[in-house]
Protein backbone atom coordinates (compact mmCIF):
# COMPACT_ATOMS: atom_id res chain seq x y z
CA MET A 1 -0.57 0.29 0.10
CA SER A 2 1.53 3.46 -1.63
CA LYS A 3 2.25 5.92 1.21
CA ILE A 4 -0.07 8.27 2.01
CA PRO A 5 0.79 11.72 1.18
CA HIS A 6 2.24 14.97 2.91
CA ARG A 7 -0.32 16.65 1.86
CA LEU A 8 -3.24 15.78 -0.28
CA TYR A 9 -4.97 19.02 -2.82
CA LEU A 10 -7.84 19.13 -4.76
CA THR A 11 -7.82 20.36 -7.75
CA GLU A 12 -9.68 24.03 -8.20
CA ASP A 13 -11.89 21.93 -10.80
CA GLN A 14 -12.78 19.52 -7.52
CA MET A 15 -13.21 22.73 -5.00
CA PRO A 16 -16.39 23.00 -3.71
CA GLN A 17 -19.28 25.44 -6.12
CA LYS A 18 -21.95 24.99 -3.15
CA TRP A 19 -22.17 25.52 0.49
CA PHE A 20 -24.01 23.20 2.85
CA ASN A 21 -26.27 24.40 4.99
CA LEU A 22 -25.68 22.73 8.38
CA ARG A 23 -29.73 23.10 10.32
CA SER A 24 -30.88 21.45 6.63
CA ALA A 25 -30.03 18.09 8.67
CA MET A 26 -30.58 19.02 11.65
CA ALA A 27 -34.08 17.53 13.60
CA GLU A 28 -34.54 20.49 15.50
CA GLN A 29 -33.80 23.86 14.82
CA PRO A 30 -31.85 26.15 16.82
CA ASP A 31 -34.10 28.50 19.14
CA PRO A 32 -35.04 31.91 16.99
CA LEU A 33 -33.33 35.12 16.41
CA LEU A 34 -35.68 37.58 18.83
CA HIS A 35 -36.84 40.66 18.13
CA PRO A 36 -35.78 42.34 21.68
CA GLY A 37 -38.12 44.75 22.84
CA THR A 38 -40.75 42.62 21.38
CA LEU A 39 -39.51 38.75 21.97
CA ARG A 40 -41.50 37.76 18.65
CA PRO A 41 -39.11 35.67 15.74
CA LEU A 42 -37.31 38.53 13.53
CA GLY A 43 -38.08 37.88 10.22
CA VAL A 44 -35.56 38.95 6.77
CA ASP A 45 -37.32 42.61 7.17
CA ASP A 46 -36.24 43.82 10.74
CA LEU A 47 -32.43 41.74 9.50
CA SER A 48 -31.79 43.75 6.68
CA PRO A 49 -31.77 47.50 8.37
CA ILE A 50 -28.22 46.03 10.13
CA PHE A 51 -27.83 42.77 7.43
CA CYS A 52 -26.90 42.84 3.96
CA GLU A 53 -30.72 41.82 2.55
CA GLU A 54 -29.00 38.02 0.95
CA LEU A 55 -27.43 37.67 3.67
CA ALA A 56 -30.47 38.03 6.91
CA ARG A 57 -32.09 36.01 3.93
CA GLN A 58 -28.81 32.93 4.81
CA GLU A 59 -29.64 33.55 8.38
CA LEU A 60 -33.16 32.59 8.84
CA ASP A 61 -32.86 30.10 5.57
CA GLY A 62 -32.61 26.54 7.96
CA ALA A 63 -34.39 24.49 5.11
CA THR A 64 -31.90 25.10 2.13
CA ALA A 65 -29.16 22.56 2.04
CA TYR A 66 -26.52 23.70 -0.50
CA VAL A 67 -25.77 26.95 -1.53
CA ASP A 68 -24.69 28.30 -4.72
CA ILE A 69 -20.73 29.77 -4.75
CA PRO A 70 -21.67 33.18 -7.10
CA GLU A 71 -19.54 33.32 -9.70
CA PRO A 72 -17.48 36.40 -8.20
CA ILE A 73 -16.98 34.27 -4.89
CA GLN A 74 -15.91 31.40 -6.53
CA ASN A 75 -13.24 33.43 -8.41
CA VAL A 76 -11.63 35.11 -5.74
CA TYR A 77 -11.26 31.86 -4.01
CA LYS A 78 -9.37 30.45 -6.10
CA MET A 79 -6.63 32.46 -4.81
CA TYR A 80 -6.28 30.57 -2.53
CA ARG A 81 -8.24 27.57 -2.23
CA PRO A 82 -8.65 24.22 -2.02
CA SER A 83 -6.89 24.66 0.62
CA PRO A 84 -4.39 21.93 2.21
CA LEU A 85 -4.95 17.94 3.95
CA ILE A 86 -2.19 18.16 5.51
CA ARG A 87 -0.09 14.12 7.21
CA ALA A 88 1.56 15.14 10.76
CA TYR A 89 3.56 12.54 10.40
CA GLU A 90 6.49 14.80 12.03
CA LEU A 91 3.87 15.32 14.67
CA GLU A 92 3.05 11.54 14.60
CA LYS A 93 6.32 10.51 14.90
CA ALA A 94 7.43 12.98 17.92
CA LEU A 95 4.09 11.53 19.50
CA ASP A 96 4.82 7.82 19.47
CA THR A 97 0.85 7.28 19.19
CA PRO A 98 -0.54 5.78 16.39
CA ALA A 99 -3.38 7.39 15.48
CA ARG A 100 -3.08 9.19 12.58
CA ILE A 101 -3.42 13.17 12.26
CA TYR A 102 -4.46 15.56 9.72
CA TYR A 103 -5.58 19.35 10.31
CA LYS A 104 -6.78 21.00 7.43
CA PHE A 105 -5.07 25.15 7.19
CA GLU A 106 -6.29 27.76 6.38
CA GLY A 107 -3.49 29.45 6.52
CA ASN A 108 -2.70 30.52 3.01
CA ASN A 109 -4.10 34.14 2.64
CA THR A 110 -2.92 37.87 3.55
CA SER A 111 -5.40 37.86 7.06
CA GLY A 112 -3.72 34.21 6.79
CA SER A 113 -6.76 32.68 8.95
CA HIS A 114 -9.73 30.97 8.11
CA LYS A 115 -11.48 34.28 7.91
CA LEU A 116 -11.54 35.38 4.64
CA ASN A 117 -13.78 32.60 3.12
CA SER A 118 -16.94 34.50 4.88
CA ALA A 119 -15.38 38.04 3.86
CA VAL A 120 -15.35 37.94 0.39
CA ALA A 121 -19.37 36.77 0.68
CA GLN A 122 -19.69 39.34 3.08
CA ALA A 123 -18.21 42.08 1.05
CA TYR A 124 -20.03 41.00 -2.35
CA TYR A 125 -23.54 40.70 -0.84
CA ALA A 126 -22.27 43.85 0.59
CA LYS A 127 -21.02 45.07 -3.66
CA MET A 128 -24.46 43.83 -4.99
CA GLN A 129 -26.59 45.64 -3.08
CA GLY A 130 -24.87 48.99 -3.65
CA LEU A 131 -23.62 49.56 0.17
CA THR A 132 -20.71 51.90 -0.42
CA GLY A 133 -18.98 49.75 2.64
CA VAL A 134 -19.65 48.22 5.50
CA THR A 135 -18.55 47.91 9.34
CA THR A 136 -16.92 45.68 11.53
CA GLU A 137 -15.22 44.13 14.85
CA THR A 138 -12.18 42.29 15.09
CA GLY A 139 -10.47 40.73 18.44
CA ALA A 140 -7.15 39.41 17.82
CA GLY A 141 -7.29 41.16 14.15
CA GLN A 142 -7.54 38.03 11.27
CA TRP A 143 -11.41 39.28 10.70
CA GLY A 144 -10.53 42.26 10.00
CA THR A 145 -7.67 41.72 8.23
CA ALA A 146 -9.26 38.92 5.63
CA LEU A 147 -12.88 41.77 5.44
CA SER A 148 -10.24 44.34 4.62
CA GLU A 149 -8.79 42.49 2.51
CA ALA A 150 -12.19 41.51 0.34
CA CYS A 151 -13.37 45.58 0.60
CA SER A 152 -10.69 46.49 -0.99
CA TYR A 153 -11.18 43.83 -3.77
CA PHE A 154 -14.92 44.56 -4.25
CA GLY A 155 -14.49 47.95 -3.99
CA LEU A 156 -15.62 49.11 -0.87
CA THR A 157 -15.14 50.94 2.62
CA CYS A 158 -13.97 48.95 5.77
CA ASP A 159 -15.17 50.35 9.18
CA VAL A 160 -13.12 48.66 12.00
CA PHE A 161 -13.69 48.37 15.83
CA MET A 162 -10.31 46.77 17.10
CA VAL A 163 -10.59 45.12 20.90
CA LYS A 164 -8.95 47.96 23.02
CA CYS A 165 -5.77 44.69 23.78
CA SER A 166 -5.67 43.20 20.68
CA TYR A 167 -4.43 46.96 19.65
CA GLU A 168 -2.04 47.63 21.56
CA GLN A 169 -1.05 44.03 21.87
CA LYS A 170 -0.94 43.74 17.72
CA PRO A 171 0.46 47.17 15.54
CA PHE A 172 1.37 45.10 12.73
CA ARG A 173 -2.23 43.88 12.34
CA LYS A 174 -3.51 47.56 12.17
CA ALA A 175 -0.75 47.93 9.76
CA VAL A 176 -2.54 45.31 7.20
CA MET A 177 -5.61 46.94 7.14
CA ASN A 178 -4.32 50.13 7.27
CA VAL A 179 -2.74 48.77 2.78
CA PHE A 180 -5.72 47.92 2.81
CA ASP A 181 -7.46 51.38 2.92
CA ALA A 182 -9.30 49.90 6.34
CA SER A 183 -9.73 52.64 9.10
CA ILE A 184 -9.21 50.83 12.52
CA THR A 185 -10.68 52.41 15.91
CA PRO A 186 -10.00 50.81 19.42
CA SER A 187 -13.07 49.79 20.28
CA PRO A 188 -14.83 51.35 24.04
CA SER A 189 -13.63 54.82 21.42
CA PRO A 190 -15.48 58.07 21.78
CA THR A 191 -16.56 57.76 18.57
CA THR A 192 -19.84 56.01 19.29
CA GLU A 193 -22.84 57.29 21.78
CA VAL A 194 -22.26 53.07 22.89
CA GLY A 195 -18.76 53.50 23.51
CA ARG A 196 -18.41 56.65 25.71
CA GLN A 197 -21.33 55.27 28.13
CA ILE A 198 -19.31 52.38 27.88
CA LEU A 199 -15.89 53.95 28.59
CA ARG A 200 -18.22 55.92 31.48
CA ASP A 201 -19.06 53.07 32.97
CA HIS A 202 -16.29 51.47 32.97
CA PRO A 203 -13.32 53.96 32.21
CA ASP A 204 -10.36 50.98 32.85
CA THR A 205 -11.63 49.01 29.95
CA THR A 206 -9.37 46.69 28.05
CA GLY A 207 -12.54 45.74 25.57
CA SER A 208 -14.27 42.92 24.63
CA LEU A 209 -15.77 41.75 20.88
CA GLY A 210 -19.01 42.06 23.03
CA CYS A 211 -17.88 46.51 23.28
CA ALA A 212 -16.74 46.31 19.55
CA ILE A 213 -20.13 44.43 17.98
CA SER A 214 -21.46 47.62 19.71
CA GLU A 215 -19.60 50.16 18.61
CA ALA A 216 -19.79 49.00 15.02
CA VAL A 217 -23.22 48.38 14.79
CA GLU A 218 -24.15 51.27 15.92
CA SER A 219 -22.38 52.76 13.57
CA ALA A 220 -23.83 50.55 10.07
CA VAL A 221 -27.51 52.26 11.18
CA GLN A 222 -25.92 55.99 11.74
CA SER A 223 -24.59 55.25 7.27
CA GLY A 224 -27.78 56.67 6.90
CA GLY A 225 -28.08 53.12 4.79
CA ALA A 226 -24.99 53.74 2.68
CA LYS A 227 -23.97 51.07 5.05
CA ARG A 228 -24.00 47.68 6.61
CA TYR A 229 -22.78 45.29 9.22
CA VAL A 230 -21.03 42.31 8.93
CA LEU A 231 -20.60 40.03 11.41
CA GLY A 232 -16.66 37.41 11.33
CA SER A 233 -18.60 34.47 13.58
CA VAL A 234 -21.63 32.91 15.29
CA LEU A 235 -24.01 33.80 12.63
CA ASN A 236 -25.70 31.16 11.49
CA GLN A 237 -24.83 32.53 7.51
CA VAL A 238 -20.92 32.64 7.97
CA LEU A 239 -21.23 29.12 9.09
CA LEU A 240 -22.81 28.37 5.69
CA HIS A 241 -20.22 30.73 3.95
CA GLN A 242 -17.52 28.08 6.12
CA SER A 243 -18.69 24.87 5.14
CA ILE A 244 -15.94 25.34 1.87
CA ILE A 245 -13.32 23.41 5.54
CA GLY A 246 -15.35 20.79 6.24
CA LEU A 247 -16.69 19.54 2.34
CA GLU A 248 -12.97 19.78 1.23
CA SER A 249 -12.08 17.78 4.69
CA LYS A 250 -13.83 14.97 3.43
CA LEU A 251 -10.75 13.07 1.84
CA ALA A 252 -10.14 12.37 6.13
CA MET A 253 -12.73 9.59 6.40
CA GLU A 254 -11.92 10.32 10.16
CA GLN A 255 -12.75 9.22 13.25
CA LEU A 256 -12.11 12.29 15.74
CA VAL A 257 -12.98 15.71 14.57
CA VAL A 258 -11.46 18.52 17.47
CA GLY A 259 -11.72 22.25 16.59
CA CYS A 260 -11.23 25.96 18.32
CA ALA A 261 -14.27 27.55 19.73
CA GLY A 262 -14.63 30.78 19.94
CA GLY A 263 -17.63 31.94 18.28
CA GLY A 264 -17.77 28.85 16.32
CA SER A 265 -17.09 29.72 13.04
CA ASN A 266 -13.44 27.62 12.18
CA LEU A 267 -16.11 24.76 14.29
CA GLY A 268 -18.76 24.76 12.54
CA GLY A 269 -17.26 24.43 8.64
CA LEU A 270 -15.14 22.20 9.40
CA ILE A 271 -17.82 20.50 11.12
CA ALA A 272 -20.62 20.98 8.94
CA PRO A 273 -20.32 17.54 6.48
CA PHE A 274 -19.55 15.50 9.06
CA MET A 275 -22.17 16.91 11.57
CA ALA A 276 -24.38 16.40 8.91
CA ASP A 277 -23.92 12.29 8.67
CA LYS A 278 -23.86 11.66 12.22
CA LEU A 279 -27.23 13.60 12.42
CA ARG A 280 -28.12 11.21 9.97
CA GLY A 281 -27.57 8.24 11.06
CA ILE A 282 -24.03 7.50 8.62
CA ARG A 283 -21.36 8.27 10.20
CA ASN A 284 -20.31 8.82 14.39
CA PRO A 285 -17.47 11.24 14.60
CA ARG A 286 -16.71 12.19 17.90
CA ILE A 287 -17.10 15.99 17.62
CA VAL A 288 -14.88 18.14 20.51
CA ALA A 289 -15.06 21.99 20.45
CA VAL A 290 -11.75 23.35 22.66
CA GLU A 291 -12.18 26.59 23.68
CA PRO A 292 -9.80 28.84 26.56
CA ALA A 293 -9.95 28.59 30.13
CA SER A 294 -10.95 31.64 30.37
CA CYS A 295 -13.65 32.33 27.86
CA PRO A 296 -15.46 29.00 28.45
CA SER A 297 -18.57 29.53 27.12
CA LEU A 298 -19.29 25.73 25.89
CA THR A 299 -18.48 24.34 29.16
CA ARG A 300 -19.05 26.79 32.11
CA GLY A 301 -21.35 28.62 30.33
CA LYS A 302 -25.71 29.15 30.39
CA TYR A 303 -27.87 28.53 27.41
CA ALA A 304 -29.48 30.86 27.60
CA TYR A 305 -31.07 33.69 25.25
CA ASP A 306 -28.89 36.53 25.93
CA PHE A 307 -27.89 40.31 23.39
CA CYS A 308 -24.30 39.19 20.85
CA ASP A 309 -23.56 42.43 22.12
CA THR A 310 -22.50 44.31 25.86
CA GLY A 311 -24.21 47.40 24.72
CA ARG A 312 -28.04 45.85 23.75
CA VAL A 313 -28.66 47.01 20.62
CA THR A 314 -28.36 43.55 18.73
CA PRO A 315 -31.39 40.84 18.41
CA LEU A 316 -31.77 37.73 21.12
CA ALA A 317 -29.91 34.74 20.59
CA ARG A 318 -30.46 31.10 22.45
CA MET A 319 -26.85 30.46 22.99
CA TYR A 320 -23.91 29.84 25.23
CA THR A 321 -23.02 33.24 26.38
CA LEU A 322 -21.17 33.82 30.01
CA GLY A 323 -22.74 36.90 29.61
CA CYS A 324 -23.21 39.94 27.66
CA GLY A 325 -21.06 42.12 29.78
CA PHE A 326 -19.33 39.43 30.87
CA ILE A 327 -14.72 40.90 30.26
CA PRO A 328 -12.19 38.60 29.48
CA SER A 329 -7.96 38.61 31.17
CA ALA A 330 -6.50 41.31 29.72
CA ASN A 331 -3.72 38.56 29.80
CA HIS A 332 -5.21 36.24 27.61
CA ALA A 333 -3.71 35.80 24.50
CA GLY A 334 -5.90 33.35 22.70
CA GLY A 335 -7.64 34.60 20.75
CA LEU A 336 -11.21 33.25 20.88
CA ARG A 337 -12.51 36.21 23.60
CA TYR A 338 -16.34 36.05 22.16
CA HIS A 339 -18.79 36.13 25.44
CA GLY A 340 -20.99 33.66 23.39
CA MET A 341 -21.28 30.44 21.26
CA SER A 342 -22.82 29.94 17.38
CA PRO A 343 -26.84 29.58 18.39
CA ILE A 344 -25.94 26.86 15.34
CA LEU A 345 -23.93 24.92 17.43
CA SER A 346 -24.73 25.39 21.01
CA LYS A 347 -27.87 23.55 20.48
CA LEU A 348 -25.82 20.66 19.14
CA TYR A 349 -23.89 20.75 22.72
CA HIS A 350 -26.50 21.11 24.70
CA ASP A 351 -28.44 18.21 22.99
CA GLY A 352 -25.03 16.19 23.17
CA TYR A 353 -23.60 15.06 19.84
CA MET A 354 -21.10 16.65 20.75
CA GLU A 355 -18.29 17.74 23.24
CA ALA A 356 -16.75 20.79 24.67
CA VAL A 357 -13.01 21.32 26.51
CA ALA A 358 -11.46 23.54 28.00
CA TYR A 359 -7.16 24.57 28.27
CA GLU A 360 -5.38 26.94 30.23
CA GLN A 361 -2.86 29.46 27.65
CA THR A 362 -0.09 28.22 28.61
CA ARG A 363 -0.76 24.59 28.48
CA VAL A 364 -2.28 25.66 24.22
CA PHE A 365 1.15 27.60 24.10
CA GLU A 366 3.54 24.97 24.55
CA ALA A 367 1.39 22.63 22.38
CA ALA A 368 1.40 25.55 19.42
CA VAL A 369 5.27 24.95 19.79
CA LEU A 370 5.54 21.48 20.06
CA PHE A 371 4.07 21.49 15.63
CA ALA A 372 5.47 24.93 14.84
CA LYS A 373 9.00 22.71 15.43
CA ARG A 374 7.54 19.36 14.05
CA GLU A 375 5.00 20.27 11.61
CA THR A 376 7.21 24.21 11.03
CA ILE A 377 4.22 25.97 10.22
CA LEU A 378 3.83 28.83 13.40
CA PRO A 379 -0.08 28.20 14.14
CA ALA A 380 -2.20 30.73 15.49
CA PRO A 381 -2.75 30.96 18.79
CA GLU A 382 -6.65 29.90 18.95
CA SER A 383 -5.42 27.38 16.87
CA ALA A 384 -3.30 26.08 19.14
CA HIS A 385 -5.85 25.68 20.75
CA ALA A 386 -7.55 22.33 18.57
CA ILE A 387 -4.44 21.34 18.17
CA ARG A 388 -4.09 20.94 22.52
CA GLY A 389 -6.79 18.57 21.95
CA ALA A 390 -5.61 17.44 18.85
CA ILE A 391 -2.43 15.29 21.17
CA ASP A 392 -4.33 15.16 23.73
CA GLU A 393 -6.71 12.90 21.19
CA ALA A 394 -3.57 11.23 20.18
CA LEU A 395 -1.75 10.47 24.12
CA ARG A 396 -4.89 8.62 24.70
CA CYS A 397 -4.61 5.98 22.07
CA ARG A 398 -0.84 5.50 23.15
CA GLU A 399 -2.05 4.68 25.73
CA SER A 400 -4.59 2.67 24.19
CA ARG A 401 -2.46 1.11 21.38
CA GLU A 402 -6.12 2.67 18.90
CA ALA A 403 -5.60 3.81 15.38
CA LYS A 404 -7.98 6.55 15.36
CA THR A 405 -7.57 9.20 12.03
CA ILE A 406 -8.06 12.37 14.01
CA LEU A 407 -8.59 15.73 11.98
CA PHE A 408 -7.89 19.28 12.65
CA GLY A 409 -8.44 22.99 11.67
CA LEU A 410 -5.14 25.18 11.62
CA THR A 411 -7.21 28.36 11.78
CA GLY A 412 -4.05 30.65 11.06
CA THR A 413 -0.69 31.32 11.54
CA GLY A 414 0.06 33.06 14.15
CA TYR A 415 3.17 35.77 13.14
CA PHE A 416 0.95 38.54 14.04
CA ASP A 417 1.16 36.76 17.52
CA MET A 418 4.95 37.38 18.66
CA THR A 419 3.74 38.75 21.65
CA ALA A 420 2.84 36.55 22.91
CA TYR A 421 4.71 33.87 21.78
CA GLU A 422 7.82 35.70 23.56
CA ASN A 423 5.24 35.91 26.55
CA TYR A 424 5.50 32.68 27.01
CA LEU A 425 9.37 31.51 25.81
CA SER A 426 10.16 33.80 28.57
CA GLY A 427 8.04 32.36 30.95
CA LYS A 428 5.89 35.75 31.53
CA MET A 429 2.59 34.15 30.70
CA SER A 430 0.55 33.48 33.06
CA ASP A 431 -3.05 31.40 33.29
CA SER A 432 -6.14 33.63 34.29
CA ILE A 433 -8.63 31.41 34.66
CA PRO A 434 -12.29 32.88 35.36
CA THR A 435 -14.17 31.76 39.43
CA ASP A 436 -17.80 31.40 40.25
CA ALA A 437 -17.74 35.04 41.18
CA ASP A 438 -16.53 36.27 38.03
CA LEU A 439 -18.95 34.85 35.60
CA GLN A 440 -21.54 35.57 38.12
CA LYS A 441 -21.03 38.67 37.04
CA GLY A 442 -22.13 38.25 33.49
CA PHE A 443 -24.44 35.61 34.14
CA ASP A 444 -26.37 38.30 35.45
CA SER A 445 -26.44 40.25 33.16
CA LEU A 446 -28.91 38.15 30.61
CA PRO A 447 -31.66 40.00 29.89
CA LYS A 448 -34.97 38.82 32.23
CA ILE A 449 -37.02 37.81 29.78
CA PRO A 450 -40.04 34.60 29.85
CA GLN A 451 -37.71 32.82 27.64
CA ASN A 452 -34.65 32.94 30.40
CA GLU A 453 -37.19 32.18 33.33
CA GLY A 454 -35.71 28.77 35.41
CA ILE A 455 -31.72 29.51 34.26
């Protein structure tokens, strides 16, 4: 039997021409988005003042299994896709494991991450609607970079509100976004009403994705209809666009799929076709979400309706959440900072179709350094959570002598995260795990609505 190549590439003609809608395989749908005023399910007309019209339709469509990828989006995809599926032979040797480890590498573009898959789609639909630009938030900077790149390609303006601590820690992320003519504002900021209010209430805050989302939404709404807000994770539409990762990954007949989990964009895209098989009874792979111990929405959060932002201007989504008022510790360096989880993934986790584990960031960076030494790619801290999870599963295979096939998502590269790597290597990095009392402060911010009674 011939040896499996280190890298498996699809041809350009084999790249998927349709996205897959995981909700179409779910017998029980995620709970609907609710209007924060009326508490009634939202329709396309309710979402259209915030999102592009086509994206609003995608957000609410749980029935259509496959959605055509427009040719202009395919043309951009072909500049960096299909992405390679890589056998981690050297990592396997280092771990002395019988497990077969594969990873889907999404770092082959300027953003250095999977985020471009949805950024291109959202920018395209904004252009087709005749908008002049979009607004967004970014945490570690991958999404902001990807959207800047996509907007530049389609001739749109891009206003990015970047979590303040990341803005200060990663100046070169800002520089790359500037290359693509984006405007970047540290959040919370004095440029929006919600930002000013957050600064009045918490003058020393280092920011959060929830804060940045509030500012981006306000900025879009105040644009007079010229712009719309776009989001890089959590939303159903984002998981739809990211399904191209999983569709390309089906070459690996997995027994175990591991992905990092912040808001759910990479994990949801990676697992989509595998989870569909599980839901339909075709196969039964284990699916494991790996999240940071400092922002543990799945492992320690509550399954409740919550605002998607700190300023409470967004619709209500039922998801695993730490509360929209939760702000991760400033020393958390690993991305995945969002207070909630994708409603789709939350529903699947709640119903027992997937597992979740949380790791301290020092253990995550330990795995990242080992991976870099063996596989010659410096991983993004977000990706390193999945690496940690995959390594631990492979070590269990060593003990049990099981030759399982493990697939994980390498979401991107860590070349803009060198301050974090330097802190880890010098011994300055510490772990910050919120206490139950810390988490309760966030839970206290959950909306007091009938749907949350007894939670």
